[in-house]
Amino acid sequence: MDKDAIEQIAAALAHEVKNPLSLVRANIELLEQKDPEKNNKKNYEMIHNELLKINELIMQFLNLTVSNKEIFDLVYIADIIINIVKKYDTSYANINFVIKNMVYEEKAILGSENKLDILFNNIIKNSVEAINSTKKEGIIEITIKNEKNHTIANIKDNGGGILEEIKDSLGMDSFTTKELGTGLGILICKQICKEHNGEFSIKNTEYGCVVEVSFPFV
């Protein structure tokens, strides 16, 4: 099956799944309105959360299978990362976000701001989830620097890290260490880096995990 056919199937599948999802969501909201005493509040919240997970899975599937048809423009990595950190920083009081060695004269790269937002959101979300799975106070340290005609972003956390015997499998298959995870996150990150002529690496440190991505200057 050629690539165009796969993309058409992916788009059609996403369309067909999202329609019933919207119908289910609408009916759940209707049931909530008929339950003013909120007797089933926890059940409604659980259903909404699971619907959001399904929707995210669909979007990840599309990002993995559909080729990049967006017009690339000048993009600044630091701006994207700062905006993502602001979003997470307000939601997770147990995690300290630290941005070090900020590039004040950062070189622009040529890319899709939307795709790069997905990339760094995936990375930071994984760090947050790794820390929360350990049930401890966490720190996510982000370093952005210019080096050898590349902008390099380094994201380090003090979560549980990755087992050495399975670390090399990440990104090679639809692999995940999360319970009921899809394993698409790392694949999507690597694909986005490839589309931008960049590099992606992930490894353990003494305290957790570190992800490094780099992109060439324009």
N, C-alpha and C. Protein backbone atom coordinates (compact mmCIF):
# COMPACT_ATOMS: atom_id res chain seq x y z
N MET A 1 0.85 -1.19 0.00
CA MET A 1 0.00 0.00 0.00
C MET A 1 0.89 1.24 0.00
N ASP A 2 0.63 2.20 -0.92
CA ASP A 2 1.51 3.36 -1.00
C ASP A 2 1.17 4.37 0.09
N LYS A 3 2.05 5.38 0.23
CA LYS A 3 1.94 6.34 1.33
C LYS A 3 0.67 7.17 1.24
N ASP A 4 0.29 7.58 0.02
CA ASP A 4 -0.92 8.38 -0.15
C ASP A 4 -2.16 7.62 0.32
N ALA A 5 -2.20 6.32 0.02
CA ALA A 5 -3.34 5.50 0.44
C ALA A 5 -3.40 5.39 1.96
N ILE A 6 -2.24 5.23 2.59
CA ILE A 6 -2.18 5.14 4.05
C ILE A 6 -2.68 6.44 4.68
N GLU A 7 -2.27 7.57 4.11
CA GLU A 7 -2.70 8.86 4.63
C GLU A 7 -4.20 9.03 4.49
N GLN A 8 -4.76 8.60 3.37
CA GLN A 8 -6.20 8.70 3.15
C GLN A 8 -6.97 7.84 4.15
N ILE A 9 -6.46 6.64 4.41
CA ILE A 9 -7.09 5.75 5.38
C ILE A 9 -7.03 6.35 6.78
N ALA A 10 -5.87 6.92 7.13
CA ALA A 10 -5.71 7.52 8.46
C ALA A 10 -6.68 8.68 8.65
N ALA A 11 -6.79 9.53 7.64
CA ALA A 11 -7.70 10.67 7.73
C ALA A 11 -9.15 10.20 7.83
N ALA A 12 -9.51 9.19 7.04
CA ALA A 12 -10.88 8.68 7.05
C ALA A 12 -11.20 8.04 8.40
N LEU A 13 -10.23 7.27 8.95
CA LEU A 13 -10.43 6.62 10.23
C LEU A 13 -10.64 7.66 11.33
N ALA A 14 -9.79 8.69 11.33
CA ALA A 14 -9.91 9.74 12.34
C ALA A 14 -11.28 10.42 12.25
N HIS A 15 -11.73 10.68 11.03
CA HIS A 15 -13.03 11.32 10.82
C HIS A 15 -14.16 10.44 11.35
N GLU A 16 -14.11 9.15 11.04
CA GLU A 16 -15.17 8.24 11.44
C GLU A 16 -15.22 8.02 12.95
N VAL A 17 -14.05 8.08 13.60
CA VAL A 17 -14.01 7.88 15.04
C VAL A 17 -14.43 9.15 15.78
N LYS A 18 -14.01 10.31 15.27
CA LYS A 18 -14.31 11.56 15.96
C LYS A 18 -15.81 11.87 15.96
N ASN A 19 -16.53 11.46 14.93
CA ASN A 19 -17.98 11.72 14.88
C ASN A 19 -18.72 11.06 16.03
N PRO A 20 -18.58 9.75 16.24
CA PRO A 20 -19.26 9.14 17.40
C PRO A 20 -18.75 9.66 18.73
N LEU A 21 -17.47 10.04 18.79
CA LEU A 21 -16.95 10.60 20.03
C LEU A 21 -17.68 11.89 20.39
N SER A 22 -17.91 12.73 19.37
CA SER A 22 -18.64 13.97 19.60
C SER A 22 -20.05 13.69 20.08
N LEU A 23 -20.68 12.66 19.51
CA LEU A 23 -22.04 12.29 19.91
C LEU A 23 -22.06 11.78 21.36
N VAL A 24 -21.09 10.97 21.72
CA VAL A 24 -21.00 10.46 23.09
C VAL A 24 -20.79 11.62 24.06
N ARG A 25 -19.88 12.53 23.72
CA ARG A 25 -19.60 13.67 24.59
C ARG A 25 -20.87 14.52 24.79
N ALA A 26 -21.61 14.76 23.72
CA ALA A 26 -22.83 15.56 23.81
C ALA A 26 -23.86 14.90 24.72
N ASN A 27 -23.99 13.58 24.62
CA ASN A 27 -24.97 12.87 25.45
C ASN A 27 -24.55 12.83 26.92
N ILE A 28 -23.26 12.74 27.16
CA ILE A 28 -22.78 12.77 28.54
C ILE A 28 -23.09 14.14 29.16
N GLU A 29 -22.85 15.20 28.39
CA GLU A 29 -23.14 16.55 28.89
C GLU A 29 -24.63 16.71 29.16
N LEU A 30 -25.47 16.09 28.33
CA LEU A 30 -26.92 16.14 28.53
C LEU A 30 -27.31 15.42 29.82
N LEU A 31 -26.69 14.27 30.07
CA LEU A 31 -26.96 13.52 31.30
C LEU A 31 -26.52 14.31 32.54
N GLU A 32 -25.39 15.03 32.40
CA GLU A 32 -24.92 15.84 33.51
C GLU A 32 -25.93 16.92 33.87
N GLN A 33 -26.53 17.52 32.84
CA GLN A 33 -27.52 18.57 33.07
C GLN A 33 -28.74 18.03 33.79
N LYS A 34 -29.04 16.76 33.59
CA LYS A 34 -30.20 16.14 34.24
C LYS A 34 -29.86 15.57 35.62
N ASP A 35 -28.66 15.86 36.08
CA ASP A 35 -28.21 15.38 37.38
C ASP A 35 -27.72 16.57 38.21
N PRO A 36 -28.63 17.49 38.54
CA PRO A 36 -28.23 18.72 39.25
C PRO A 36 -27.59 18.46 40.61
N GLU A 37 -27.89 17.33 41.22
CA GLU A 37 -27.32 17.01 42.52
C GLU A 37 -25.88 16.48 42.40
N LYS A 38 -25.46 16.28 41.17
CA LYS A 38 -24.10 15.79 40.90
C LYS A 38 -23.82 14.47 41.61
N ASN A 39 -24.82 13.58 41.61
CA ASN A 39 -24.65 12.28 42.26
C ASN A 39 -23.61 11.41 41.57
N ASN A 40 -23.43 11.65 40.28
CA ASN A 40 -22.49 10.83 39.50
C ASN A 40 -21.33 11.66 38.97
N LYS A 41 -20.94 12.67 39.71
CA LYS A 41 -19.89 13.60 39.26
C LYS A 41 -18.58 12.88 38.91
N LYS A 42 -18.15 11.97 39.77
CA LYS A 42 -16.89 11.26 39.52
C LYS A 42 -16.96 10.42 38.25
N ASN A 43 -18.13 9.82 37.99
CA ASN A 43 -18.30 9.02 36.79
C ASN A 43 -18.22 9.89 35.53
N TYR A 44 -18.86 11.06 35.59
CA TYR A 44 -18.82 11.97 34.44
C TYR A 44 -17.40 12.45 34.18
N GLU A 45 -16.68 12.79 35.24
CA GLU A 45 -15.30 13.25 35.09
C GLU A 45 -14.43 12.15 34.48
N MET A 46 -14.64 10.91 34.92
CA MET A 46 -13.87 9.79 34.39
C MET A 46 -14.15 9.61 32.90
N ILE A 47 -15.43 9.70 32.50
CA ILE A 47 -15.80 9.54 31.09
C ILE A 47 -15.18 10.65 30.25
N HIS A 48 -15.26 11.89 30.74
CA HIS A 48 -14.68 13.01 30.00
C HIS A 48 -13.17 12.83 29.82
N ASN A 49 -12.49 12.39 30.87
CA ASN A 49 -11.04 12.18 30.79
C ASN A 49 -10.69 11.09 29.78
N GLU A 50 -11.47 10.02 29.77
CA GLU A 50 -11.20 8.93 28.83
C GLU A 50 -11.47 9.35 27.40
N LEU A 51 -12.50 10.19 27.19
CA LEU A 51 -12.78 10.70 25.85
C LEU A 51 -11.65 11.59 25.37
N LEU A 52 -11.09 12.38 26.28
CA LEU A 52 -9.95 13.23 25.91
C LEU A 52 -8.75 12.38 25.52
N LYS A 53 -8.55 11.26 26.22
CA LYS A 53 -7.43 10.38 25.89
C LYS A 53 -7.61 9.77 24.50
N ILE A 54 -8.84 9.38 24.17
CA ILE A 54 -9.11 8.82 22.85
C ILE A 54 -8.86 9.86 21.77
N ASN A 55 -9.31 11.09 22.03
CA ASN A 55 -9.11 12.16 21.05
C ASN A 55 -7.62 12.43 20.84
N GLU A 56 -6.85 12.41 21.95
CA GLU A 56 -5.41 12.63 21.84
C GLU A 56 -4.75 11.51 21.05
N LEU A 57 -5.21 10.28 21.25
CA LEU A 57 -4.69 9.14 20.51
C LEU A 57 -4.92 9.30 19.01
N ILE A 58 -6.10 9.77 18.65
CA ILE A 58 -6.42 10.00 17.24
C ILE A 58 -5.48 11.04 16.63
N MET A 59 -5.26 12.13 17.37
CA MET A 59 -4.38 13.19 16.86
C MET A 59 -2.95 12.69 16.73
N GLN A 60 -2.51 11.86 17.69
CA GLN A 60 -1.16 11.30 17.60
C GLN A 60 -1.04 10.39 16.39
N PHE A 61 -2.06 9.60 16.14
CA PHE A 61 -2.07 8.70 14.99
C PHE A 61 -1.97 9.49 13.69
N LEU A 62 -2.72 10.58 13.60
CA LEU A 62 -2.68 11.41 12.40
C LEU A 62 -1.30 12.03 12.22
N ASN A 63 -0.72 12.54 13.31
CA ASN A 63 0.60 13.16 13.22
C ASN A 63 1.67 12.17 12.81
N LEU A 64 1.46 10.90 13.17
CA LEU A 64 2.45 9.88 12.83
C LEU A 64 2.34 9.41 11.39
N THR A 65 1.10 9.39 10.84
CA THR A 65 0.89 8.80 9.53
C THR A 65 0.80 9.80 8.39
N VAL A 66 0.33 11.01 8.68
CA VAL A 66 0.13 11.98 7.61
C VAL A 66 1.38 12.83 7.45
N SER A 67 1.86 12.94 6.23
CA SER A 67 3.10 13.67 5.97
C SER A 67 2.91 15.16 6.19
N ASN A 68 4.01 15.86 6.42
CA ASN A 68 3.98 17.28 6.70
C ASN A 68 3.71 18.08 5.43
N LYS A 69 2.54 18.72 5.37
CA LYS A 69 2.20 19.54 4.22
C LYS A 69 2.16 21.02 4.59
N GLU A 70 2.62 21.33 5.81
CA GLU A 70 2.61 22.71 6.27
C GLU A 70 3.76 23.49 5.64
N ILE A 71 3.55 24.79 5.49
CA ILE A 71 4.60 25.67 4.98
C ILE A 71 5.53 26.02 6.14
N PHE A 72 6.81 25.76 5.98
CA PHE A 72 7.78 26.08 7.03
C PHE A 72 8.05 27.57 7.05
N ASP A 73 8.33 28.07 8.25
CA ASP A 73 8.62 29.48 8.44
C ASP A 73 9.74 29.61 9.46
N LEU A 74 10.19 30.83 9.73
CA LEU A 74 11.21 31.04 10.75
C LEU A 74 10.59 30.84 12.12
N VAL A 75 11.23 29.99 12.93
CA VAL A 75 10.68 29.63 14.24
C VAL A 75 11.80 29.72 15.28
N TYR A 76 11.42 30.18 16.49
CA TYR A 76 12.36 30.27 17.60
C TYR A 76 11.98 29.24 18.66
N ILE A 77 12.86 28.30 18.88
CA ILE A 77 12.61 27.19 19.80
C ILE A 77 12.32 27.69 21.22
N ALA A 78 13.07 28.68 21.68
CA ALA A 78 12.91 29.17 23.05
C ALA A 78 11.49 29.67 23.30
N ASP A 79 10.92 30.38 22.35
CA ASP A 79 9.56 30.91 22.51
C ASP A 79 8.55 29.78 22.70
N ILE A 80 8.70 28.72 21.91
CA ILE A 80 7.78 27.58 21.99
C ILE A 80 7.89 26.91 23.35
N ILE A 81 9.11 26.67 23.80
CA ILE A 81 9.32 25.98 25.07
C ILE A 81 8.80 26.80 26.25
N ILE A 82 9.06 28.11 26.24
CA ILE A 82 8.61 28.98 27.34
C ILE A 82 7.09 28.94 27.46
N ASN A 83 6.38 28.98 26.33
CA ASN A 83 4.92 28.95 26.37
C ASN A 83 4.39 27.63 26.92
N ILE A 84 5.05 26.53 26.56
CA ILE A 84 4.62 25.22 27.07
C ILE A 84 4.89 25.12 28.58
N VAL A 85 6.05 25.59 29.02
CA VAL A 85 6.41 25.55 30.43
C VAL A 85 5.41 26.36 31.26
N LYS A 86 4.99 27.52 30.76
CA LYS A 86 4.02 28.35 31.48
C LYS A 86 2.73 27.57 31.73
N LYS A 87 2.31 26.80 30.72
CA LYS A 87 1.08 26.02 30.85
C LYS A 87 1.20 24.95 31.93
N TYR A 88 2.32 24.22 31.93
CA TYR A 88 2.50 23.14 32.89
C TYR A 88 2.83 23.67 34.29
N ASP A 89 3.53 24.78 34.36
CA ASP A 89 3.97 25.33 35.63
C ASP A 89 2.79 25.71 36.52
N THR A 90 1.69 26.15 35.91
CA THR A 90 0.51 26.55 36.69
C THR A 90 -0.32 25.35 37.15
N SER A 91 -0.06 24.18 36.56
CA SER A 91 -0.88 23.01 36.86
C SER A 91 -0.21 22.02 37.82
N TYR A 92 1.11 22.09 37.96
CA TYR A 92 1.83 21.10 38.77
C TYR A 92 2.70 21.80 39.81
N ALA A 93 2.12 21.99 40.99
CA ALA A 93 2.83 22.68 42.06
C ALA A 93 3.99 21.86 42.60
N ASN A 94 3.97 20.54 42.38
CA ASN A 94 5.02 19.67 42.91
C ASN A 94 6.26 19.62 42.02
N ILE A 95 6.21 20.33 40.89
CA ILE A 95 7.33 20.29 39.95
C ILE A 95 7.91 21.68 39.76
N ASN A 96 9.22 21.78 39.90
CA ASN A 96 9.92 23.04 39.69
C ASN A 96 10.52 23.05 38.28
N PHE A 97 10.07 23.98 37.45
CA PHE A 97 10.58 24.11 36.08
C PHE A 97 11.69 25.16 36.06
N VAL A 98 12.86 24.76 35.57
CA VAL A 98 14.02 25.65 35.54
C VAL A 98 14.54 25.74 34.11
N ILE A 99 14.62 26.96 33.58
CA ILE A 99 15.19 27.17 32.25
C ILE A 99 16.56 27.82 32.43
N LYS A 100 17.60 27.11 31.98
CA LYS A 100 18.98 27.57 32.17
C LYS A 100 19.62 27.95 30.84
N ASN A 101 20.63 28.83 30.94
CA ASN A 101 21.43 29.20 29.76
C ASN A 101 20.54 29.62 28.58
N MET A 102 19.51 30.43 28.89
CA MET A 102 18.62 30.88 27.83
C MET A 102 19.41 31.61 26.74
N VAL A 103 19.09 31.31 25.50
CA VAL A 103 19.76 31.94 24.35
C VAL A 103 19.08 33.27 24.07
N TYR A 104 19.74 34.36 24.38
CA TYR A 104 19.13 35.67 24.16
C TYR A 104 19.25 36.11 22.70
N GLU A 105 20.21 35.58 22.02
CA GLU A 105 20.33 35.87 20.59
C GLU A 105 20.18 34.55 19.82
N GLU A 106 19.08 33.90 20.09
CA GLU A 106 18.84 32.59 19.47
C GLU A 106 18.71 32.71 17.96
N LYS A 107 19.30 31.77 17.26
CA LYS A 107 19.16 31.71 15.81
C LYS A 107 17.84 31.04 15.45
N ALA A 108 17.18 31.54 14.43
CA ALA A 108 15.92 30.94 14.00
C ALA A 108 16.20 29.65 13.22
N ILE A 109 15.24 28.71 13.31
CA ILE A 109 15.29 27.54 12.46
C ILE A 109 14.11 27.61 11.49
N LEU A 110 14.17 26.81 10.46
CA LEU A 110 13.08 26.76 9.49
C LEU A 110 12.20 25.57 9.84
N GLY A 111 10.93 25.85 10.16
CA GLY A 111 10.09 24.73 10.56
C GLY A 111 8.63 25.10 10.74
N SER A 112 7.89 24.14 11.25
CA SER A 112 6.47 24.30 11.54
C SER A 112 6.31 24.55 13.03
N GLU A 113 5.79 25.70 13.40
CA GLU A 113 5.60 26.02 14.81
C GLU A 113 4.62 25.03 15.45
N ASN A 114 3.61 24.62 14.70
CA ASN A 114 2.62 23.68 15.21
C ASN A 114 3.26 22.33 15.52
N LYS A 115 4.06 21.80 14.58
CA LYS A 115 4.70 20.50 14.79
C LYS A 115 5.72 20.56 15.92
N LEU A 116 6.47 21.65 16.01
CA LEU A 116 7.47 21.78 17.06
C LEU A 116 6.82 21.94 18.44
N ASP A 117 5.66 22.56 18.46
CA ASP A 117 4.90 22.64 19.71
C ASP A 117 4.48 21.24 20.16
N ILE A 118 4.05 20.41 19.22
CA ILE A 118 3.69 19.02 19.53
C ILE A 118 4.91 18.27 20.06
N LEU A 119 6.05 18.47 19.43
CA LEU A 119 7.29 17.81 19.83
C LEU A 119 7.65 18.12 21.29
N PHE A 120 7.76 19.41 21.61
CA PHE A 120 8.21 19.78 22.95
C PHE A 120 7.13 19.55 24.00
N ASN A 121 5.87 19.65 23.60
CA ASN A 121 4.80 19.33 24.53
C ASN A 121 4.85 17.84 24.91
N ASN A 122 5.12 16.98 23.93
CA ASN A 122 5.26 15.54 24.20
C ASN A 122 6.40 15.27 25.17
N ILE A 123 7.54 15.92 24.93
CA ILE A 123 8.72 15.68 25.77
C ILE A 123 8.47 16.12 27.21
N ILE A 124 7.94 17.34 27.36
CA ILE A 124 7.73 17.88 28.71
C ILE A 124 6.61 17.12 29.42
N LYS A 125 5.58 16.74 28.68
CA LYS A 125 4.50 15.95 29.28
C LYS A 125 5.03 14.61 29.79
N ASN A 126 5.92 13.97 29.03
CA ASN A 126 6.51 12.70 29.46
C ASN A 126 7.31 12.88 30.75
N SER A 127 8.05 14.00 30.84
CA SER A 127 8.82 14.28 32.06
C SER A 127 7.91 14.47 33.25
N VAL A 128 6.82 15.21 33.04
CA VAL A 128 5.85 15.44 34.11
C VAL A 128 5.27 14.12 34.59
N GLU A 129 4.88 13.25 33.66
CA GLU A 129 4.27 11.97 34.02
C GLU A 129 5.28 11.06 34.71
N ALA A 130 6.54 11.12 34.27
CA ALA A 130 7.58 10.30 34.91
C ALA A 130 7.78 10.72 36.36
N ILE A 131 7.78 12.03 36.61
CA ILE A 131 7.94 12.53 37.98
C ILE A 131 6.72 12.16 38.83
N ASN A 132 5.53 12.37 38.29
CA ASN A 132 4.32 12.09 39.06
C ASN A 132 4.17 10.61 39.38
N SER A 133 4.72 9.74 38.53
CA SER A 133 4.64 8.30 38.80
C SER A 133 5.49 7.90 39.99
N THR A 134 6.47 8.74 40.35
CA THR A 134 7.33 8.46 41.50
C THR A 134 6.76 9.04 42.79
N LYS A 135 5.70 9.86 42.64
CA LYS A 135 5.04 10.49 43.80
C LYS A 135 6.03 11.29 44.65
N LYS A 136 6.88 12.06 44.00
CA LYS A 136 7.84 12.87 44.75
C LYS A 136 7.93 14.28 44.14
N GLU A 137 8.59 15.16 44.89
CA GLU A 137 8.83 16.51 44.36
C GLU A 137 9.76 16.39 43.16
N GLY A 138 9.47 17.16 42.12
CA GLY A 138 10.25 16.99 40.90
C GLY A 138 10.87 18.27 40.40
N ILE A 139 11.82 18.10 39.51
CA ILE A 139 12.44 19.23 38.83
C ILE A 139 12.63 18.88 37.36
N ILE A 140 12.26 19.79 36.50
CA ILE A 140 12.51 19.65 35.07
C ILE A 140 13.40 20.81 34.66
N GLU A 141 14.59 20.47 34.23
CA GLU A 141 15.60 21.48 33.89
C GLU A 141 15.78 21.53 32.38
N ILE A 142 15.60 22.72 31.82
CA ILE A 142 15.67 22.89 30.36
C ILE A 142 16.80 23.85 30.01
N THR A 143 17.67 23.39 29.14
CA THR A 143 18.79 24.22 28.68
C THR A 143 18.66 24.42 27.18
N ILE A 144 18.79 25.67 26.75
CA ILE A 144 18.72 26.00 25.32
C ILE A 144 20.02 26.72 24.94
N LYS A 145 20.70 26.23 23.92
CA LYS A 145 21.99 26.83 23.56
C LYS A 145 22.23 26.73 22.06
N ASN A 146 23.15 27.57 21.57
CA ASN A 146 23.61 27.52 20.19
C ASN A 146 24.97 26.82 20.16
N GLU A 147 25.13 25.86 19.26
CA GLU A 147 26.40 25.14 19.19
C GLU A 147 26.56 24.49 17.83
N LYS A 148 27.67 24.74 17.18
CA LYS A 148 27.99 24.11 15.89
C LYS A 148 26.85 24.26 14.88
N ASN A 149 26.40 25.50 14.71
CA ASN A 149 25.36 25.82 13.72
C ASN A 149 24.02 25.15 14.02
N HIS A 150 23.80 24.81 15.28
CA HIS A 150 22.54 24.20 15.69
C HIS A 150 21.99 24.88 16.95
N THR A 151 20.68 24.91 17.05
CA THR A 151 20.02 25.24 18.32
C THR A 151 19.73 23.92 19.02
N ILE A 152 20.18 23.81 20.26
CA ILE A 152 20.06 22.56 21.00
C ILE A 152 19.21 22.79 22.24
N ALA A 153 18.21 21.95 22.43
CA ALA A 153 17.38 21.99 23.64
C ALA A 153 17.58 20.69 24.41
N ASN A 154 17.88 20.83 25.68
CA ASN A 154 18.14 19.69 26.56
C ASN A 154 17.10 19.71 27.68
N ILE A 155 16.29 18.66 27.80
CA ILE A 155 15.24 18.58 28.82
C ILE A 155 15.55 17.43 29.76
N LYS A 156 15.84 17.77 31.03
CA LYS A 156 16.26 16.76 32.01
C LYS A 156 15.28 16.74 33.18
N ASP A 157 14.89 15.54 33.62
CA ASP A 157 13.98 15.42 34.77
C ASP A 157 14.54 14.45 35.80
N ASN A 158 13.96 14.48 37.00
CA ASN A 158 14.38 13.55 38.05
C ASN A 158 13.30 12.50 38.31
N GLY A 159 12.65 12.07 37.21
CA GLY A 159 11.66 10.99 37.31
C GLY A 159 12.34 9.65 37.45
N GLY A 160 11.62 8.61 37.15
CA GLY A 160 12.15 7.26 37.37
C GLY A 160 13.18 6.80 36.36
N GLY A 161 13.34 7.54 35.24
CA GLY A 161 14.28 7.10 34.22
C GLY A 161 13.74 5.93 33.40
N ILE A 162 14.58 5.40 32.52
CA ILE A 162 14.20 4.31 31.63
C ILE A 162 15.09 3.12 31.92
N LEU A 163 14.51 1.94 32.03
CA LEU A 163 15.30 0.73 32.24
C LEU A 163 16.29 0.55 31.08
N GLU A 164 17.54 0.30 31.41
CA GLU A 164 18.59 0.22 30.40
C GLU A 164 18.30 -0.85 29.35
N GLU A 165 17.72 -1.99 29.79
CA GLU A 165 17.49 -3.08 28.84
C GLU A 165 16.41 -2.77 27.82
N ILE A 166 15.60 -1.73 28.09
CA ILE A 166 14.54 -1.39 27.13
C ILE A 166 14.74 0.00 26.52
N LYS A 167 15.73 0.73 27.01
CA LYS A 167 15.95 2.10 26.53
C LYS A 167 16.15 2.15 25.03
N ASP A 168 16.92 1.22 24.47
CA ASP A 168 17.23 1.24 23.05
C ASP A 168 16.03 0.91 22.18
N SER A 169 14.98 0.37 22.78
CA SER A 169 13.77 0.04 22.01
C SER A 169 12.89 1.25 21.75
N LEU A 170 13.10 2.33 22.53
CA LEU A 170 12.25 3.51 22.40
C LEU A 170 12.36 4.10 21.00
N GLY A 171 11.23 4.29 20.38
CA GLY A 171 11.21 4.90 19.06
C GLY A 171 11.41 3.92 17.93
N MET A 172 11.81 2.70 18.24
CA MET A 172 12.01 1.72 17.18
C MET A 172 10.70 1.03 16.82
N ASP A 173 9.86 0.86 17.83
CA ASP A 173 8.54 0.27 17.61
C ASP A 173 7.53 1.13 18.35
N SER A 174 6.26 0.71 18.31
CA SER A 174 5.26 1.41 19.12
C SER A 174 5.42 0.91 20.55
N PHE A 175 6.40 1.49 21.25
CA PHE A 175 6.82 0.99 22.54
C PHE A 175 6.50 1.98 23.64
N THR A 176 6.12 1.48 24.80
CA THR A 176 5.83 2.35 25.93
C THR A 176 6.08 1.64 27.24
N THR A 177 6.47 2.39 28.27
CA THR A 177 6.59 1.84 29.61
C THR A 177 5.37 2.22 30.45
N LYS A 178 4.44 2.99 29.89
CA LYS A 178 3.26 3.42 30.62
C LYS A 178 2.18 2.36 30.57
N GLU A 179 1.44 2.25 31.67
CA GLU A 179 0.32 1.33 31.69
C GLU A 179 -0.73 1.81 30.68
N LEU A 180 -1.11 0.93 29.76
CA LEU A 180 -2.10 1.23 28.72
C LEU A 180 -1.65 2.35 27.79
N GLY A 181 -0.34 2.64 27.73
CA GLY A 181 0.14 3.67 26.82
C GLY A 181 0.18 3.16 25.39
N THR A 182 0.26 4.12 24.44
CA THR A 182 0.27 3.73 23.03
C THR A 182 1.68 3.67 22.46
N GLY A 183 2.63 4.37 23.08
CA GLY A 183 3.99 4.36 22.57
C GLY A 183 4.19 5.24 21.35
N LEU A 184 3.17 6.01 20.98
CA LEU A 184 3.30 6.85 19.79
C LEU A 184 4.11 8.12 20.04
N GLY A 185 4.18 8.56 21.31
CA GLY A 185 4.82 9.83 21.62
C GLY A 185 6.25 9.95 21.12
N ILE A 186 7.08 8.94 21.41
CA ILE A 186 8.48 8.98 21.00
C ILE A 186 8.59 8.89 19.48
N LEU A 187 7.76 8.05 18.87
CA LEU A 187 7.77 7.95 17.41
C LEU A 187 7.46 9.29 16.76
N ILE A 188 6.47 9.98 17.30
CA ILE A 188 6.09 11.29 16.75
C ILE A 188 7.23 12.29 16.93
N CYS A 189 7.87 12.28 18.11
CA CYS A 189 9.00 13.18 18.34
C CYS A 189 10.11 12.96 17.33
N LYS A 190 10.46 11.69 17.11
CA LYS A 190 11.54 11.37 16.18
C LYS A 190 11.17 11.75 14.75
N GLN A 191 9.89 11.56 14.40
CA GLN A 191 9.47 11.90 13.05
C GLN A 191 9.51 13.41 12.82
N ILE A 192 9.04 14.18 13.81
CA ILE A 192 9.06 15.64 13.68
C ILE A 192 10.49 16.14 13.55
N CYS A 193 11.40 15.58 14.35
CA CYS A 193 12.81 15.97 14.23
C CYS A 193 13.35 15.65 12.84
N LYS A 194 13.00 14.49 12.33
CA LYS A 194 13.46 14.11 10.99
C LYS A 194 12.94 15.07 9.93
N GLU A 195 11.66 15.47 10.06
CA GLU A 195 11.07 16.40 9.10
C GLU A 195 11.78 17.75 9.11
N HIS A 196 12.40 18.09 10.24
CA HIS A 196 13.08 19.37 10.38
C HIS A 196 14.61 19.23 10.29
N ASN A 197 15.08 18.11 9.75
CA ASN A 197 16.52 17.84 9.63
C ASN A 197 17.23 17.93 10.97
N GLY A 198 16.51 17.55 12.02
CA GLY A 198 17.08 17.60 13.36
C GLY A 198 17.45 16.23 13.88
N GLU A 199 17.91 16.20 15.13
CA GLU A 199 18.32 14.96 15.78
C GLU A 199 17.62 14.84 17.13
N PHE A 200 17.32 13.61 17.52
CA PHE A 200 16.62 13.33 18.76
C PHE A 200 17.35 12.23 19.51
N SER A 201 17.60 12.45 20.81
CA SER A 201 18.22 11.40 21.62
C SER A 201 17.59 11.39 23.01
N ILE A 202 17.58 10.20 23.63
CA ILE A 202 17.02 10.06 24.96
C ILE A 202 17.90 9.09 25.74
N LYS A 203 18.23 9.45 26.99
CA LYS A 203 19.11 8.59 27.79
C LYS A 203 18.86 8.83 29.28
N ASN A 204 19.35 7.91 30.07
CA ASN A 204 19.23 8.03 31.52
C ASN A 204 20.36 8.86 32.09
N THR A 205 20.07 9.50 33.23
CA THR A 205 21.10 10.16 34.02
C THR A 205 21.11 9.50 35.40
N GLU A 206 21.93 10.03 36.28
CA GLU A 206 22.00 9.47 37.64
C GLU A 206 20.66 9.65 38.36
N TYR A 207 19.90 10.70 37.98
CA TYR A 207 18.69 11.03 38.72
C TYR A 207 17.40 10.78 37.94
N GLY A 208 17.46 10.65 36.63
CA GLY A 208 16.22 10.49 35.87
C GLY A 208 16.50 10.28 34.40
N CYS A 209 15.95 11.15 33.57
CA CYS A 209 16.05 10.99 32.13
C CYS A 209 16.37 12.33 31.48
N VAL A 210 17.08 12.29 30.37
CA VAL A 210 17.37 13.52 29.63
C VAL A 210 17.09 13.30 28.15
N VAL A 211 16.39 14.25 27.56
CA VAL A 211 16.10 14.24 26.12
C VAL A 211 16.81 15.44 25.50
N GLU A 212 17.45 15.20 24.37
CA GLU A 212 18.12 16.30 23.67
C GLU A 212 17.68 16.31 22.21
N VAL A 213 17.30 17.50 21.74
CA VAL A 213 16.95 17.67 20.33
C VAL A 213 17.76 18.84 19.79
N SER A 214 18.13 18.73 18.53
CA SER A 214 18.89 19.81 17.91
C SER A 214 18.41 20.03 16.48
N PHE A 215 18.44 21.31 16.07
CA PHE A 215 18.00 21.68 14.73
C PHE A 215 19.01 22.65 14.12
N PRO A 216 19.28 22.53 12.83
CA PRO A 216 20.25 23.44 12.19
C PRO A 216 19.68 24.85 12.03
N PHE A 217 20.58 25.85 12.14
CA PHE A 217 20.18 27.22 11.87
C PHE A 217 19.72 27.36 10.43
N VAL A 218 18.98 28.43 10.18
CA VAL A 218 18.59 28.73 8.80
C VAL A 218 19.82 29.14 8.02
